[in-house]
Amino acid sequence: MRHVVFCLLLIFSLVVHASEADRLRQAAFPAELHQLSLKNQTVLVYLWADVYAAGLYAPADIPAKQAWDQQKDLRLALYYFRDIDRSDVIKAATTALERQQTAATLARLKPELDQLHARFRDIRSGDRYALDFRPGRGLNLEINDQVVFSSRNDELARAYLGIWLAPKGLSDSLRNTLLN
């Protein structure tokens, strides 16, 4: 019986892996984008459903984790496989931020967080969102290659990218894959 269970788990893991590879091909993250190199990519799965593919870009000459730790240029690209209500996206982001940030930090960032969230819209399958951070320029939110929000606040950029890249974010597995 144990061998049957093991074989089923092995087959399931192969199907999931093939599915992730197919989903990453569907997301079609280019190897280079805006003078940054694709470091890592993965698929966020929630309750057996593929939600989105995430790709992390950083300068070619440094590892992704170093770029994050040293606040270098970063681009987090998301390609969605499902329709998602904007209120659900905002709720998930807020929950992660509340786990990660102090009340004082959230209070300080609230006006810009509200402006950022106001630019969200209902996500449709095939939509692309990106958070593009450049020291000195700040953070841009792009939806389907259009900049819809900009902020020069590096603290906001660090906090918002931290939803994916800092501990206690949306997914430790996603974080680890993107940064390794």
C-alpha atoms as a PDB file:
ATOM      1  CA  MET A   1       0.000   0.000   0.000  1.00  0.00           C
ATOM      2  CA  ARG A   2       2.823   2.368   0.866  1.00  0.00           C
ATOM      3  CA  HIS A   3       4.325   1.825  -2.602  1.00  0.00           C
ATOM      4  CA  VAL A   4       1.026   2.707  -4.284  1.00  0.00           C
ATOM      5  CA  VAL A   5       0.764   5.943  -2.323  1.00  0.00           C
ATOM      6  CA  PHE A   6       4.391   6.769  -3.122  1.00  0.00           C
ATOM      7  CA  CYS A   7       3.825   6.121  -6.842  1.00  0.00           C
ATOM      8  CA  LEU A   8       0.699   8.273  -6.871  1.00  0.00           C
ATOM      9  CA  LEU A   9       2.564  11.099  -5.147  1.00  0.00           C
ATOM     10  CA  LEU A  10       5.423  10.781  -7.629  1.00  0.00           C
ATOM     11  CA  ILE A  11       3.046  10.879 -10.603  1.00  0.00           C
ATOM     12  CA  PHE A  12       1.199  13.870  -9.110  1.00  0.00           C
ATOM     13  CA  SER A  13       4.473  15.749  -8.559  1.00  0.00           C
ATOM     14  CA  LEU A  14       5.506  15.109 -12.180  1.00  0.00           C
ATOM     15  CA  VAL A  15       2.157  16.389 -13.447  1.00  0.00           C
ATOM     16  CA  VAL A  16       2.410  19.480 -11.234  1.00  0.00           C
ATOM     17  CA  HIS A  17       5.972  20.112 -12.440  1.00  0.00           C
ATOM     18  CA  ALA A  18       4.946  19.749 -16.081  1.00  0.00           C
ATOM     19  CA  SER A  19       2.028  22.056 -15.426  1.00  0.00           C
ATOM     20  CA  GLU A  20       4.332  24.675 -13.895  1.00  0.00           C
ATOM     21  CA  ALA A  21       6.648  24.498 -16.903  1.00  0.00           C
ATOM     22  CA  ASP A  22       3.649  24.924 -19.214  1.00  0.00           C
ATOM     23  CA  ARG A  23       2.384  27.852 -17.168  1.00  0.00           C
ATOM     24  CA  LEU A  24       5.798  29.543 -17.212  1.00  0.00           C
ATOM     25  CA  ARG A  25       5.923  29.161 -21.011  1.00  0.00           C
ATOM     26  CA  GLN A  26       2.462  30.739 -21.120  1.00  0.00           C
ATOM     27  CA  ALA A  27       3.682  33.680 -19.004  1.00  0.00           C
ATOM     28  CA  ALA A  28       6.578  34.080 -21.459  1.00  0.00           C
ATOM     29  CA  PHE A  29       8.805  36.219 -19.271  1.00  0.00           C
ATOM     30  CA  PRO A  30      11.632  37.517 -21.479  1.00  0.00           C
ATOM     31  CA  ALA A  31      15.207  36.782 -20.367  1.00  0.00           C
ATOM     32  CA  GLU A  32      16.029  40.504 -20.418  1.00  0.00           C
ATOM     33  CA  LEU A  33      13.635  43.365 -19.729  1.00  0.00           C
ATOM     34  CA  HIS A  34      14.288  47.068 -19.093  1.00  0.00           C
ATOM     35  CA  GLN A  35      18.051  46.401 -18.719  1.00  0.00           C
ATOM     36  CA  LEU A  36      17.395  43.734 -16.089  1.00  0.00           C
ATOM     37  CA  SER A  37      17.845  39.959 -16.275  1.00  0.00           C
ATOM     38  CA  LEU A  38      15.244  37.366 -15.322  1.00  0.00           C
ATOM     39  CA  LYS A  39      16.678  35.737 -12.221  1.00  0.00           C
ATOM     40  CA  ASN A  40      13.926  33.310 -11.224  1.00  0.00           C
ATOM     41  CA  GLN A  41      10.322  32.496 -11.960  1.00  0.00           C
ATOM     42  CA  THR A  42       7.636  30.345 -10.412  1.00  0.00           C
ATOM     43  CA  VAL A  43       3.897  29.768 -10.269  1.00  0.00           C
ATOM     44  CA  LEU A  44       1.791  30.623  -7.228  1.00  0.00           C
ATOM     45  CA  VAL A  45      -0.660  27.800  -6.586  1.00  0.00           C
ATOM     46  CA  TYR A  46      -3.504  28.267  -4.124  1.00  0.00           C
ATOM     47  CA  LEU A  47      -5.788  25.325  -3.282  1.00  0.00           C
ATOM     48  CA  TRP A  48      -4.551  23.416  -6.357  1.00  0.00           C
ATOM     49  CA  ALA A  49      -5.326  26.327  -8.674  1.00  0.00           C
ATOM     50  CA  ASP A  50      -2.625  28.194 -10.588  1.00  0.00           C
ATOM     51  CA  VAL A  51      -3.140  31.852  -9.725  1.00  0.00           C
ATOM     52  CA  TYR A  52      -0.230  33.618 -11.397  1.00  0.00           C
ATOM     53  CA  ALA A  53       3.320  33.237 -12.607  1.00  0.00           C
ATOM     54  CA  ALA A  54       5.884  35.495 -10.977  1.00  0.00           C
ATOM     55  CA  GLY A  55       9.196  36.505 -12.504  1.00  0.00           C
ATOM     56  CA  LEU A  56      11.891  38.475 -10.670  1.00  0.00           C
ATOM     57  CA  TYR A  57      14.314  40.664 -12.591  1.00  0.00           C
ATOM     58  CA  ALA A  58      17.524  42.238 -11.258  1.00  0.00           C
ATOM     59  CA  PRO A  59      20.838  43.497 -12.639  1.00  0.00           C
ATOM     60  CA  ALA A  60      22.685  40.779 -14.538  1.00  0.00           C
ATOM     61  CA  ASP A  61      25.836  40.981 -12.432  1.00  0.00           C
ATOM     62  CA  ILE A  62      24.306  40.244  -9.014  1.00  0.00           C
ATOM     63  CA  PRO A  63      22.092  37.515  -7.547  1.00  0.00           C
ATOM     64  CA  ALA A  64      18.419  38.271  -6.903  1.00  0.00           C
ATOM     65  CA  LYS A  65      18.756  38.062  -3.109  1.00  0.00           C
ATOM     66  CA  GLN A  66      21.652  40.509  -3.127  1.00  0.00           C
ATOM     67  CA  ALA A  67      19.675  42.937  -5.297  1.00  0.00           C
ATOM     68  CA  TRP A  68      16.766  42.731  -2.829  1.00  0.00           C
ATOM     69  CA  ASP A  69      18.969  43.034   0.277  1.00  0.00           C
ATOM     70  CA  GLN A  70      20.911  46.000  -1.147  1.00  0.00           C
ATOM     71  CA  GLN A  71      17.850  47.731  -2.641  1.00  0.00           C
ATOM     72  CA  LYS A  72      19.140  47.587  -6.207  1.00  0.00           C
ATOM     73  CA  ASP A  73      16.985  47.750  -9.337  1.00  0.00           C
ATOM     74  CA  LEU A  74      14.214  45.126  -9.184  1.00  0.00           C
ATOM     75  CA  ARG A  75      11.220  44.230 -11.268  1.00  0.00           C
ATOM     76  CA  LEU A  76       8.562  41.778 -10.114  1.00  0.00           C
ATOM     77  CA  ALA A  77       6.381  40.691 -13.028  1.00  0.00           C
ATOM     78  CA  LEU A  78       3.103  38.837 -12.512  1.00  0.00           C
ATOM     79  CA  TYR A  79       1.119  37.059 -15.223  1.00  0.00           C
ATOM     80  CA  TYR A  80      -2.383  36.064 -14.080  1.00  0.00           C
ATOM     81  CA  PHE A  81      -4.087  32.804 -15.034  1.00  0.00           C
ATOM     82  CA  ARG A  82      -7.399  33.609 -13.327  1.00  0.00           C
ATOM     83  CA  ASP A  83      -9.893  36.418 -12.934  1.00  0.00           C
ATOM     84  CA  ILE A  84      -9.585  38.023  -9.491  1.00  0.00           C
ATOM     85  CA  ASP A  85     -11.662  40.815  -7.966  1.00  0.00           C
ATOM     86  CA  ARG A  86      -9.583  43.853  -7.076  1.00  0.00           C
ATOM     87  CA  SER A  87     -10.998  43.768  -3.538  1.00  0.00           C
ATOM     88  CA  ASP A  88      -9.507  40.283  -3.043  1.00  0.00           C
ATOM     89  CA  VAL A  89      -6.097  41.481  -4.246  1.00  0.00           C
ATOM     90  CA  ILE A  90      -6.197  44.470  -1.905  1.00  0.00           C
ATOM     91  CA  LYS A  91      -7.324  42.264   0.992  1.00  0.00           C
ATOM     92  CA  ALA A  92      -4.447  39.812   0.429  1.00  0.00           C
ATOM     93  CA  ALA A  93      -1.909  42.644   0.151  1.00  0.00           C
ATOM     94  CA  THR A  94      -3.225  44.330   3.287  1.00  0.00           C
ATOM     95  CA  THR A  95      -3.116  41.076   5.254  1.00  0.00           C
ATOM     96  CA  ALA A  96       0.510  40.482   4.262  1.00  0.00           C
ATOM     97  CA  LEU A  97       1.493  44.069   5.033  1.00  0.00           C
ATOM     98  CA  GLU A  98      -0.145  43.856   8.469  1.00  0.00           C
ATOM     99  CA  ARG A  99       1.897  40.711   9.218  1.00  0.00           C
ATOM    100  CA  GLN A 100       5.122  42.294   8.024  1.00  0.00           C
ATOM    101  CA  GLN A 101       4.986  45.947   9.067  1.00  0.00           C
ATOM    102  CA  THR A 102       4.521  47.796  12.330  1.00  0.00           C
ATOM    103  CA  ALA A 103       1.390  49.843  12.923  1.00  0.00           C
ATOM    104  CA  ALA A 104       3.521  53.007  12.787  1.00  0.00           C
ATOM    105  CA  THR A 105       4.957  52.064   9.389  1.00  0.00           C
ATOM    106  CA  LEU A 106       1.512  51.248   8.005  1.00  0.00           C
ATOM    107  CA  ALA A 107       0.143  54.551   9.301  1.00  0.00           C
ATOM    108  CA  ARG A 108       3.009  56.420   7.646  1.00  0.00           C
ATOM    109  CA  LEU A 109       2.516  54.578   4.341  1.00  0.00           C
ATOM    110  CA  LYS A 110      -1.310  54.620   4.385  1.00  0.00           C
ATOM    111  CA  PRO A 111      -1.862  57.610   2.060  1.00  0.00           C
ATOM    112  CA  GLU A 112       0.354  56.144  -0.661  1.00  0.00           C
ATOM    113  CA  LEU A 113      -0.921  52.597  -0.104  1.00  0.00           C
ATOM    114  CA  ASP A 114      -4.445  53.918  -0.602  1.00  0.00           C
ATOM    115  CA  GLN A 115      -3.369  55.678  -3.823  1.00  0.00           C
ATOM    116  CA  LEU A 116      -1.650  52.516  -5.056  1.00  0.00           C
ATOM    117  CA  HIS A 117      -4.659  50.330  -4.270  1.00  0.00           C
ATOM    118  CA  ALA A 118      -6.994  52.835  -5.931  1.00  0.00           C
ATOM    119  CA  ARG A 119      -5.182  52.128  -9.211  1.00  0.00           C
ATOM    120  CA  PHE A 120      -5.908  48.388  -9.046  1.00  0.00           C
ATOM    121  CA  ARG A 121      -8.677  46.991 -11.186  1.00  0.00           C
ATOM    122  CA  ASP A 122     -10.353  43.633 -11.472  1.00  0.00           C
ATOM    123  CA  ILE A 123      -7.793  41.205 -12.873  1.00  0.00           C
ATOM    124  CA  ARG A 124      -8.637  39.165 -15.945  1.00  0.00           C
ATOM    125  CA  SER A 125      -6.857  36.025 -17.071  1.00  0.00           C
ATOM    126  CA  GLY A 126      -3.871  37.093 -19.168  1.00  0.00           C
ATOM    127  CA  ASP A 127      -3.339  40.420 -17.378  1.00  0.00           C
ATOM    128  CA  ARG A 128       0.207  41.438 -16.495  1.00  0.00           C
ATOM    129  CA  TYR A 129       1.052  43.465 -13.430  1.00  0.00           C
ATOM    130  CA  ALA A 130       4.581  44.611 -12.590  1.00  0.00           C
ATOM    131  CA  LEU A 131       6.237  46.406  -9.718  1.00  0.00           C
ATOM    132  CA  ASP A 132       9.349  48.127 -11.039  1.00  0.00           C
ATOM    133  CA  PHE A 133      11.738  49.676  -8.497  1.00  0.00           C
ATOM    134  CA  ARG A 134      14.736  51.855  -9.318  1.00  0.00           C
ATOM    135  CA  PRO A 135      16.670  53.620  -6.527  1.00  0.00           C
ATOM    136  CA  GLY A 136      16.327  57.354  -6.982  1.00  0.00           C
ATOM    137  CA  ARG A 137      13.268  57.006  -9.242  1.00  0.00           C
ATOM    138  CA  GLY A 138      11.130  54.916  -6.943  1.00  0.00           C
ATOM    139  CA  LEU A 139       8.356  52.422  -7.585  1.00  0.00           C
ATOM    140  CA  ASN A 140       6.112  52.085 -10.614  1.00  0.00           C
ATOM    141  CA  LEU A 141       3.042  49.882 -10.784  1.00  0.00           C
ATOM    142  CA  GLU A 142       2.342  48.755 -14.329  1.00  0.00           C
ATOM    143  CA  ILE A 143      -0.797  47.069 -15.561  1.00  0.00           C
ATOM    144  CA  ASN A 144      -0.483  45.517 -19.009  1.00  0.00           C
ATOM    145  CA  ASP A 145       2.661  47.570 -19.709  1.00  0.00           C
ATOM    146  CA  GLN A 146       1.070  50.902 -18.723  1.00  0.00           C
ATOM    147  CA  VAL A 147       2.398  52.778 -15.689  1.00  0.00           C
ATOM    148  CA  VAL A 148      -0.661  53.482 -13.532  1.00  0.00           C
ATOM    149  CA  PHE A 149       1.053  54.533 -10.298  1.00  0.00           C
ATOM    150  CA  SER A 150       4.436  56.009  -9.352  1.00  0.00           C
ATOM    151  CA  SER A 151       6.005  56.828  -6.017  1.00  0.00           C
ATOM    152  CA  ARG A 152       9.456  58.109  -5.117  1.00  0.00           C
ATOM    153  CA  ASN A 153       9.048  56.658  -1.599  1.00  0.00           C
ATOM    154  CA  ASP A 154      11.667  53.903  -1.188  1.00  0.00           C
ATOM    155  CA  GLU A 155       9.995  52.756   2.059  1.00  0.00           C
ATOM    156  CA  LEU A 156       6.752  52.130   0.175  1.00  0.00           C
ATOM    157  CA  ALA A 157       8.649  50.232  -2.521  1.00  0.00           C
ATOM    158  CA  ARG A 158      10.427  48.059   0.032  1.00  0.00           C
ATOM    159  CA  ALA A 159       7.201  47.337   1.927  1.00  0.00           C
ATOM    160  CA  TYR A 160       5.143  46.555  -1.165  1.00  0.00           C
ATOM    161  CA  LEU A 161       7.749  44.391  -2.883  1.00  0.00           C
ATOM    162  CA  GLY A 162       8.152  42.726   0.508  1.00  0.00           C
ATOM    163  CA  ILE A 163       4.691  41.236   0.114  1.00  0.00           C
ATOM    164  CA  TRP A 164       6.414  38.782  -2.241  1.00  0.00           C
ATOM    165  CA  LEU A 165      10.069  39.049  -1.223  1.00  0.00           C
ATOM    166  CA  ALA A 166      10.187  39.500   2.568  1.00  0.00           C
ATOM    167  CA  PRO A 167       9.454  36.961   5.312  1.00  0.00           C
ATOM    168  CA  LYS A 168       5.805  36.534   6.369  1.00  0.00           C
ATOM    169  CA  GLY A 169       4.580  37.548   2.921  1.00  0.00           C
ATOM    170  CA  LEU A 170       2.127  35.830   0.629  1.00  0.00           C
ATOM    171  CA  SER A 171       4.169  32.641   0.242  1.00  0.00           C
ATOM    172  CA  ASP A 172       7.494  31.545   1.711  1.00  0.00           C
ATOM    173  CA  SER A 173       7.879  29.049  -1.118  1.00  0.00           C
ATOM    174  CA  LEU A 174       7.349  31.743  -3.755  1.00  0.00           C
ATOM    175  CA  ARG A 175       9.754  34.069  -1.951  1.00  0.00           C
ATOM    176  CA  ASN A 176      12.457  31.420  -1.651  1.00  0.00           C
ATOM    177  CA  THR A 177      12.184  30.437  -5.301  1.00  0.00           C
ATOM    178  CA  LEU A 178      12.316  34.025  -6.540  1.00  0.00           C
ATOM    179  CA  LEU A 179      15.282  35.005  -4.372  1.00  0.00           C
ATOM    180  CA  ASN A 180      17.413  31.867  -4.784  1.00  0.00           C
END
